[in-house]
PDB file of all heavy atoms in Angstrom:
ATOM      1  N   ASN A   1     180.010 114.557  84.536  1.00  0.00           N
ATOM      2  CA  ASN A   1     180.727 113.272  84.900  1.00  0.00           C
ATOM      3  C   ASN A   1     179.707 112.394  85.634  1.00  0.00           C
ATOM      4  O   ASN A   1     179.830 111.172  85.452  1.00  0.00           O
ATOM      5  CB  ASN A   1     181.858 113.567  85.706  1.00  0.00           C
ATOM      6  CG  ASN A   1     183.009 114.186  85.052  1.00  0.00           C
ATOM      7  OD1 ASN A   1     183.136 113.966  83.792  1.00  0.00           O
ATOM      8  ND2 ASN A   1     184.058 114.856  85.619  1.00  0.00           N
ATOM      9  N   ALA A   2     178.807 112.911  86.433  1.00  0.00           N
ATOM     10  CA  ALA A   2     177.855 112.024  87.146  1.00  0.00           C
ATOM     11  C   ALA A   2     176.987 111.374  86.137  1.00  0.00           C
ATOM     12  O   ALA A   2     176.690 110.209  86.266  1.00  0.00           O
ATOM     13  CB  ALA A   2     176.946 112.915  88.015  1.00  0.00           C
ATOM     14  N   ALA A   3     176.543 112.117  85.050  1.00  0.00           N
ATOM     15  CA  ALA A   3     175.740 111.473  83.989  1.00  0.00           C
ATOM     16  C   ALA A   3     176.536 110.477  83.291  1.00  0.00           C
ATOM     17  O   ALA A   3     176.000 109.347  82.885  1.00  0.00           O
ATOM     18  CB  ALA A   3     175.225 112.598  83.075  1.00  0.00           C
ATOM     19  N   VAL A   4     177.815 110.630  82.990  1.00  0.00           N
ATOM     20  CA  VAL A   4     178.568 109.552  82.298  1.00  0.00           C
ATOM     21  C   VAL A   4     178.661 108.385  83.246  1.00  0.00           C
ATOM     22  O   VAL A   4     178.569 107.317  82.645  1.00  0.00           O
ATOM     23  CB  VAL A   4     179.866 110.224  81.919  1.00  0.00           C
ATOM     24  CG1 VAL A   4     180.848 109.066  81.366  1.00  0.00           C
ATOM     25  CG2 VAL A   4     179.869 111.321  80.966  1.00  0.00           C
ATOM     26  N   ARG A   5     178.867 108.493  84.446  1.00  0.00           N
ATOM     27  CA  ARG A   5     178.968 107.405  85.362  1.00  0.00           C
ATOM     28  C   ARG A   5     177.699 106.596  85.273  1.00  0.00           C
ATOM     29  O   ARG A   5     177.675 105.326  85.082  1.00  0.00           O
ATOM     30  CB  ARG A   5     179.272 107.743  86.734  1.00  0.00           C
ATOM     31  CG  ARG A   5     180.744 108.360  86.965  1.00  0.00           C
ATOM     32  CD  ARG A   5     181.092 108.425  88.351  1.00  0.00           C
ATOM     33  NE  ARG A   5     180.204 109.261  89.118  1.00  0.00           N
ATOM     34  CZ  ARG A   5     180.483 110.632  89.238  1.00  0.00           C
ATOM     35  NH1 ARG A   5     181.568 111.208  88.693  1.00  0.00           N
ATOM     36  NH2 ARG A   5     179.659 111.334  90.078  1.00  0.00           N
ATOM     37  N   GLY A   6     176.516 107.305  85.273  1.00  0.00           N
ATOM     38  CA  GLY A   6     175.295 106.555  85.226  1.00  0.00           C
ATOM     39  C   GLY A   6     175.080 105.910  84.009  1.00  0.00           C
ATOM     40  O   GLY A   6     174.485 104.715  84.011  1.00  0.00           O
ATOM     41  N   ALA A   7     175.491 106.509  82.846  1.00  0.00           N
ATOM     42  CA  ALA A   7     175.394 105.798  81.523  1.00  0.00           C
ATOM     43  C   ALA A   7     176.263 104.478  81.519  1.00  0.00           C
ATOM     44  O   ALA A   7     175.778 103.488  81.019  1.00  0.00           O
ATOM     45  CB  ALA A   7     175.745 106.780  80.426  1.00  0.00           C
ATOM     46  N   LEU A   8     177.482 104.625  82.066  1.00  0.00           N
ATOM     47  CA  LEU A   8     178.309 103.416  82.041  1.00  0.00           C
ATOM     48  C   LEU A   8     177.681 102.376  82.901  1.00  0.00           C
ATOM     49  O   LEU A   8     177.775 101.234  82.531  1.00  0.00           O
ATOM     50  CB  LEU A   8     179.661 103.774  82.487  1.00  0.00           C
ATOM     51  CG  LEU A   8     180.437 104.806  81.628  1.00  0.00           C
ATOM     52  CD1 LEU A   8     181.675 105.168  82.197  1.00  0.00           C
ATOM     53  CD2 LEU A   8     180.782 104.160  80.273  1.00  0.00           C
ATOM     54  N   THR A   9     177.150 102.732  84.071  1.00  0.00           N
ATOM     55  CA  THR A   9     176.475 101.701  84.951  1.00  0.00           C
ATOM     56  C   THR A   9     175.496 101.002  84.210  1.00  0.00           C
ATOM     57  O   THR A   9     175.165  99.768  84.504  1.00  0.00           O
ATOM     58  CB  THR A   9     175.912 102.502  86.131  1.00  0.00           C
ATOM     59  OG1 THR A   9     177.007 102.956  86.964  1.00  0.00           O
ATOM     60  CG2 THR A   9     175.172 101.444  87.147  1.00  0.00           C
ATOM     61  N   ALA A  10     174.717 101.805  83.387  1.00  0.00           N
ATOM     62  CA  ALA A  10     173.561 101.094  82.605  1.00  0.00           C
ATOM     63  C   ALA A  10     174.056 100.321  81.419  1.00  0.00           C
ATOM     64  O   ALA A  10     173.240  99.521  80.775  1.00  0.00           O
ATOM     65  CB  ALA A  10     172.571 102.170  82.122  1.00  0.00           C
ATOM     66  N   GLY A  11     175.292 100.266  81.146  1.00  0.00           N
ATOM     67  CA  GLY A  11     175.870  99.518  80.068  1.00  0.00           C
ATOM     68  C   GLY A  11     176.224 100.069  78.747  1.00  0.00           C
ATOM     69  O   GLY A  11     176.444  99.527  77.758  1.00  0.00           O
ATOM     70  N   ALA A  12     176.323 101.499  78.878  1.00  0.00           N
ATOM     71  CA  ALA A  12     176.754 102.176  77.700  1.00  0.00           C
ATOM     72  C   ALA A  12     178.086 101.778  77.151  1.00  0.00           C
ATOM     73  O   ALA A  12     179.030 101.721  77.925  1.00  0.00           O
ATOM     74  CB  ALA A  12     176.769 103.719  77.948  1.00  0.00           C
ATOM     75  N   THR A  13     178.312 101.683  75.894  1.00  0.00           N
ATOM     76  CA  THR A  13     179.598 101.409  75.306  1.00  0.00           C
ATOM     77  C   THR A  13     180.223 102.663  74.759  1.00  0.00           C
ATOM     78  O   THR A  13     181.518 102.664  74.495  1.00  0.00           O
ATOM     79  CB  THR A  13     179.357 100.239  74.255  1.00  0.00           C
ATOM     80  OG1 THR A  13     178.418 100.663  73.221  1.00  0.00           O
ATOM     81  CG2 THR A  13     178.959  98.972  74.916  1.00  0.00           C
ATOM     82  N   THR A  14     179.310 103.775  74.304  1.00  0.00           N
ATOM     83  CA  THR A  14     179.800 104.892  73.795  1.00  0.00           C
ATOM     84  C   THR A  14     179.083 105.886  74.419  1.00  0.00           C
ATOM     85  O   THR A  14     177.767 105.863  74.485  1.00  0.00           O
ATOM     86  CB  THR A  14     179.565 104.975  72.166  1.00  0.00           C
ATOM     87  OG1 THR A  14     180.310 103.890  71.562  1.00  0.00           O
ATOM     88  CG2 THR A  14     179.993 106.292  71.577  1.00  0.00           C
ATOM     89  N   VAL A  15     179.699 106.904  74.959  1.00  0.00           N
ATOM     90  CA  VAL A  15     179.130 108.133  75.426  1.00  0.00           C
ATOM     91  C   VAL A  15     179.763 109.322  74.725  1.00  0.00           C
ATOM     92  O   VAL A  15     180.852 109.568  74.945  1.00  0.00           O
ATOM     93  CB  VAL A  15     179.324 108.221  77.047  1.00  0.00           C
ATOM     94  CG1 VAL A  15     178.630 109.555  77.576  1.00  0.00           C
ATOM     95  CG2 VAL A  15     178.765 106.980  77.769  1.00  0.00           C
ATOM     96  N   THR A  16     178.915 110.138  74.102  1.00  0.00           N
ATOM     97  CA  THR A  16     179.224 111.389  73.439  1.00  0.00           C
ATOM     98  C   THR A  16     178.718 112.504  74.139  1.00  0.00           C
ATOM     99  O   THR A  16     177.556 112.576  74.461  1.00  0.00           O
ATOM    100  CB  THR A  16     178.871 111.386  72.022  1.00  0.00           C
ATOM    101  OG1 THR A  16     179.462 110.342  71.324  1.00  0.00           O
ATOM    102  CG2 THR A  16     179.184 112.747  71.358  1.00  0.00           C
ATOM    103  N   VAL A  17     179.504 113.495  74.730  1.00  0.00           N
ATOM    104  CA  VAL A  17     179.078 114.680  75.274  1.00  0.00           C
ATOM    105  C   VAL A  17     179.211 115.919  74.328  1.00  0.00           C
ATOM    106  O   VAL A  17     180.289 116.203  73.786  1.00  0.00           O
ATOM    107  CB  VAL A  17     179.859 114.891  76.563  1.00  0.00           C
ATOM    108  CG1 VAL A  17     179.449 116.225  77.267  1.00  0.00           C
ATOM    109  CG2 VAL A  17     179.796 113.782  77.468  1.00  0.00           C
ATOM    110  N   ASN A  18     178.233 116.611  74.093  1.00  0.00           N
ATOM    111  CA  ASN A  18     178.190 117.785  73.297  1.00  0.00           C
ATOM    112  C   ASN A  18     178.064 119.057  74.291  1.00  0.00           C
ATOM    113  O   ASN A  18     177.177 119.278  74.989  1.00  0.00           O
ATOM    114  CB  ASN A  18     177.006 117.953  72.387  1.00  0.00           C
ATOM    115  CG  ASN A  18     177.053 119.172  71.486  1.00  0.00           C
ATOM    116  OD1 ASN A  18     178.059 119.748  71.368  1.00  0.00           O
ATOM    117  ND2 ASN A  18     175.855 119.464  70.852  1.00  0.00           N
ATOM    118  N   ASP A  19     179.150 119.839  74.288  1.00  0.00           N
ATOM    119  CA  ASP A  19     179.116 121.143  75.129  1.00  0.00           C
ATOM    120  C   ASP A  19     178.197 122.069  74.306  1.00  0.00           C
ATOM    121  O   ASP A  19     178.635 122.566  73.299  1.00  0.00           O
ATOM    122  CB  ASP A  19     180.630 121.646  75.202  1.00  0.00           C
ATOM    123  CG  ASP A  19     180.745 122.768  76.103  1.00  0.00           C
ATOM    124  OD1 ASP A  19     179.772 123.593  76.247  1.00  0.00           O
ATOM    125  OD2 ASP A  19     181.738 123.074  76.765  1.00  0.00           O
ATOM    126  N   ALA A  20     177.130 122.286  74.869  1.00  0.00           N
ATOM    127  CA  ALA A  20     176.107 123.072  74.018  1.00  0.00           C
ATOM    128  C   ALA A  20     175.707 124.430  74.650  1.00  0.00           C
ATOM    129  O   ALA A  20     174.702 124.998  74.348  1.00  0.00           O
ATOM    130  CB  ALA A  20     174.794 122.197  74.194  1.00  0.00           C
ATOM    131  N   HIS A  21     176.495 125.068  75.504  1.00  0.00           N
ATOM    132  CA  HIS A  21     176.263 126.369  76.046  1.00  0.00           C
ATOM    133  C   HIS A  21     177.262 127.358  75.536  1.00  0.00           C
ATOM    134  O   HIS A  21     178.417 127.268  75.452  1.00  0.00           O
ATOM    135  CB  HIS A  21     176.547 126.225  77.653  1.00  0.00           C
ATOM    136  CG  HIS A  21     176.435 127.582  78.330  1.00  0.00           C
ATOM    137  ND1 HIS A  21     175.255 128.276  78.538  1.00  0.00           N
ATOM    138  CD2 HIS A  21     177.405 128.429  78.706  1.00  0.00           C
ATOM    139  CE1 HIS A  21     175.479 129.476  79.103  1.00  0.00           C
ATOM    140  NE2 HIS A  21     176.720 129.585  79.186  1.00  0.00           N
ATOM    141  N   GLY A  22     176.581 128.607  75.209  1.00  0.00           N
ATOM    142  CA  GLY A  22     177.340 129.697  74.807  1.00  0.00           C
ATOM    143  C   GLY A  22     178.385 129.421  73.871  1.00  0.00           C
ATOM    144  O   GLY A  22     178.107 129.045  72.615  1.00  0.00           O
ATOM    145  N   PRO A  23     179.654 129.803  74.239  1.00  0.00           N
ATOM    146  CA  PRO A  23     180.836 129.488  73.309  1.00  0.00           C
ATOM    147  C   PRO A  23     181.151 127.980  72.943  1.00  0.00           C
ATOM    148  O   PRO A  23     181.855 127.669  72.220  1.00  0.00           O
ATOM    149  CB  PRO A  23     182.022 130.123  74.103  1.00  0.00           C
ATOM    150  CG  PRO A  23     181.558 129.922  75.576  1.00  0.00           C
ATOM    151  CD  PRO A  23     180.093 130.157  75.537  1.00  0.00           C
ATOM    152  N   MET A  24     180.461 127.181  73.806  1.00  0.00           N
ATOM    153  CA  MET A  24     180.586 125.659  73.569  1.00  0.00           C
ATOM    154  C   MET A  24     181.940 125.192  73.847  1.00  0.00           C
ATOM    155  O   MET A  24     182.439 124.300  73.255  1.00  0.00           O
ATOM    156  CB  MET A  24     180.134 125.123  72.197  1.00  0.00           C
ATOM    157  CG  MET A  24     178.597 125.516  72.009  1.00  0.00           C
ATOM    158  SD  MET A  24     177.940 124.968  70.430  1.00  0.00           S
ATOM    159  CE  MET A  24     176.192 125.444  70.646  1.00  0.00           C
ATOM    160  N   ARG A  25     182.694 126.053  74.723  1.00  0.00           N
ATOM    161  CA  ARG A  25     184.027 125.593  75.259  1.00  0.00           C
ATOM    162  C   ARG A  25     184.100 125.750  76.752  1.00  0.00           C
ATOM    163  O   ARG A  25     185.020 126.234  77.331  1.00  0.00           O
ATOM    164  CB  ARG A  25     185.060 126.546  74.572  1.00  0.00           C
ATOM    165  CG  ARG A  25     185.264 126.311  73.082  1.00  0.00           C
ATOM    166  CD  ARG A  25     186.308 127.111  72.486  1.00  0.00           C
ATOM    167  NE  ARG A  25     185.970 128.620  72.368  1.00  0.00           N
ATOM    168  CZ  ARG A  25     186.599 129.472  73.279  1.00  0.00           C
ATOM    169  NH1 ARG A  25     187.417 129.139  74.145  1.00  0.00           N
ATOM    170  NH2 ARG A  25     186.114 130.706  73.162  1.00  0.00           N
ATOM    171  N   ASN A  26     183.084 125.143  77.285  1.00  0.00           N
ATOM    172  CA  ASN A  26     182.938 125.421  78.893  1.00  0.00           C
ATOM    173  C   ASN A  26     183.453 124.230  79.640  1.00  0.00           C
ATOM    174  O   ASN A  26     184.081 124.323  80.688  1.00  0.00           O
ATOM    175  CB  ASN A  26     181.435 125.647  79.190  1.00  0.00           C
ATOM    176  CG  ASN A  26     180.791 126.686  78.351  1.00  0.00           C
ATOM    177  OD1 ASN A  26     181.033 127.977  78.502  1.00  0.00           O
ATOM    178  ND2 ASN A  26     180.019 126.302  77.292  1.00  0.00           N
ATOM    179  N   LEU A  27     183.144 122.956  79.170  1.00  0.00           N
ATOM    180  CA  LEU A  27     183.600 121.885  79.837  1.00  0.00           C
ATOM    181  C   LEU A  27     185.030 121.776  79.876  1.00  0.00           C
ATOM    182  O   LEU A  27     185.726 122.042  78.856  1.00  0.00           O
ATOM    183  CB  LEU A  27     182.904 120.583  79.209  1.00  0.00           C
ATOM    184  CG  LEU A  27     181.418 120.422  79.330  1.00  0.00           C
ATOM    185  CD1 LEU A  27     180.961 119.281  78.415  1.00  0.00           C
ATOM    186  CD2 LEU A  27     181.214 119.957  80.882  1.00  0.00           C
ATOM    187  N   LEU A  28     185.692 121.257  80.980  1.00  0.00           N
ATOM    188  CA  LEU A  28     187.025 121.048  81.034  1.00  0.00           C
ATOM    189  C   LEU A  28     187.597 119.736  80.481  1.00  0.00           C
ATOM    190  O   LEU A  28     187.219 118.758  81.184  1.00  0.00           O
ATOM    191  CB  LEU A  28     187.497 121.227  82.532  1.00  0.00           C
ATOM    192  CG  LEU A  28     187.023 122.548  83.217  1.00  0.00           C
ATOM    193  CD1 LEU A  28     187.327 122.446  84.721  1.00  0.00           C
ATOM    194  CD2 LEU A  28     187.808 123.709  82.527  1.00  0.00           C
ATOM    195  N   PRO A  29     188.112 119.592  79.302  1.00  0.00           N
ATOM    196  CA  PRO A  29     188.422 118.315  78.744  1.00  0.00           C
ATOM    197  C   PRO A  29     189.278 117.491  79.574  1.00  0.00           C
ATOM    198  O   PRO A  29     189.145 116.131  79.604  1.00  0.00           O
ATOM    199  CB  PRO A  29     189.130 118.644  77.465  1.00  0.00           C
ATOM    200  CG  PRO A  29     188.601 120.093  77.099  1.00  0.00           C
ATOM    201  CD  PRO A  29     188.534 120.794  78.410  1.00  0.00           C
ATOM    202  N   ASP A  30     190.316 118.019  80.379  1.00  0.00           N
ATOM    203  CA  ASP A  30     191.185 117.284  81.292  1.00  0.00           C
ATOM    204  C   ASP A  30     190.456 116.847  82.430  1.00  0.00           C
ATOM    205  O   ASP A  30     190.954 115.829  83.118  1.00  0.00           O
ATOM    206  CB  ASP A  30     192.483 118.016  81.437  1.00  0.00           C
ATOM    207  CG  ASP A  30     192.207 119.269  82.197  1.00  0.00           C
ATOM    208  OD1 ASP A  30     191.114 119.776  82.053  1.00  0.00           O
ATOM    209  OD2 ASP A  30     193.135 119.846  82.814  1.00  0.00           O
ATOM    210  N   ALA A  31     189.320 117.258  82.793  1.00  0.00           N
ATOM    211  CA  ALA A  31     188.557 116.827  83.958  1.00  0.00           C
ATOM    212  C   ALA A  31     187.399 116.039  83.588  1.00  0.00           C
ATOM    213  O   ALA A  31     186.688 115.459  84.548  1.00  0.00           O
ATOM    214  CB  ALA A  31     188.353 118.141  84.792  1.00  0.00           C
ATOM    215  N   LEU A  32     187.109 115.805  82.387  1.00  0.00           N
ATOM    216  CA  LEU A  32     185.902 114.987  81.898  1.00  0.00           C
ATOM    217  C   LEU A  32     186.212 113.491  82.025  1.00  0.00           C
ATOM    218  O   LEU A  32     187.299 113.144  81.848  1.00  0.00           O
ATOM    219  CB  LEU A  32     185.558 115.434  80.505  1.00  0.00           C
ATOM    220  CG  LEU A  32     184.296 114.859  79.868  1.00  0.00           C
ATOM    221  CD1 LEU A  32     183.158 115.526  80.592  1.00  0.00           C
ATOM    222  CD2 LEU A  32     184.247 115.045  78.345  1.00  0.00           C
ATOM    223  N   HIS A  33     185.135 112.842  82.458  1.00  0.00           N
ATOM    224  CA  HIS A  33     185.317 111.450  82.534  1.00  0.00           C
ATOM    225  C   HIS A  33     186.140 110.721  81.299  1.00  0.00           C
ATOM    226  O   HIS A  33     185.699 111.098  80.097  1.00  0.00           O
ATOM    227  CB  HIS A  33     183.918 110.730  82.686  1.00  0.00           C
ATOM    228  CG  HIS A  33     183.985 109.363  83.197  1.00  0.00           C
ATOM    229  ND1 HIS A  33     184.474 108.373  82.484  1.00  0.00           N
ATOM    230  CD2 HIS A  33     183.493 108.853  84.382  1.00  0.00           C
ATOM    231  CE1 HIS A  33     184.357 107.115  83.196  1.00  0.00           C
ATOM    232  NE2 HIS A  33     183.896 107.583  84.345  1.00  0.00           N
ATOM    233  N   PRO A  34     187.056 109.970  81.527  1.00  0.00           N
ATOM    234  CA  PRO A  34     187.876 109.536  80.389  1.00  0.00           C
ATOM    235  C   PRO A  34     187.066 108.616  79.535  1.00  0.00           C
ATOM    236  O   PRO A  34     187.612 108.328  78.332  1.00  0.00           O
ATOM    237  CB  PRO A  34     188.937 108.707  81.123  1.00  0.00           C
ATOM    238  CG  PRO A  34     188.409 108.362  82.582  1.00  0.00           C
ATOM    239  CD  PRO A  34     187.630 109.524  82.866  1.00  0.00           C
ATOM    240  N   ALA A  35     185.938 108.131  79.806  1.00  0.00           N
ATOM    241  CA  ALA A  35     185.092 107.212  78.842  1.00  0.00           C
ATOM    242  C   ALA A  35     184.414 108.096  77.851  1.00  0.00           C
ATOM    243  O   ALA A  35     183.771 107.572  76.984  1.00  0.00           O
ATOM    244  CB  ALA A  35     184.244 106.348  79.717  1.00  0.00           C
ATOM    245  N   ALA A  36     184.327 109.370  78.093  1.00  0.00           N
ATOM    246  CA  ALA A  36     183.386 110.241  77.376  1.00  0.00           C
ATOM    247  C   ALA A  36     184.069 110.890  76.127  1.00  0.00           C
ATOM    248  O   ALA A  36     185.470 111.334  76.352  1.00  0.00           O
ATOM    249  CB  ALA A  36     182.772 111.344  78.072  1.00  0.00           C
ATOM    250  N   ARG A  37     183.569 110.989  74.933  1.00  0.00           N
ATOM    251  CA  ARG A  37     184.082 111.731  73.795  1.00  0.00           C
ATOM    252  C   ARG A  37     183.430 113.028  73.965  1.00  0.00           C
ATOM    253  O   ARG A  37     182.153 113.131  74.206  1.00  0.00           O
ATOM    254  CB  ARG A  37     183.767 111.024  72.436  1.00  0.00           C
ATOM    255  CG  ARG A  37     184.365 109.758  72.321  1.00  0.00           C
ATOM    256  CD  ARG A  37     184.139 109.173  70.959  1.00  0.00           C
ATOM    257  NE  ARG A  37     184.781 110.030  69.921  1.00  0.00           N
ATOM    258  CZ  ARG A  37     185.989 109.847  69.539  1.00  0.00           C
ATOM    259  NH1 ARG A  37     186.755 108.984  70.098  1.00  0.00           N
ATOM    260  NH2 ARG A  37     186.503 110.672  68.579  1.00  0.00           N
TER     261      ARG A  37
END
């Protein structure tokens, strides 16, 4: 989420996050920044 905020501050219009660890189901979708896919 900190990274997403930084991207938006820089002017990002699209932010895609890939959960890339182990089972790739680690990030909490309901707690992820709402601007991120």
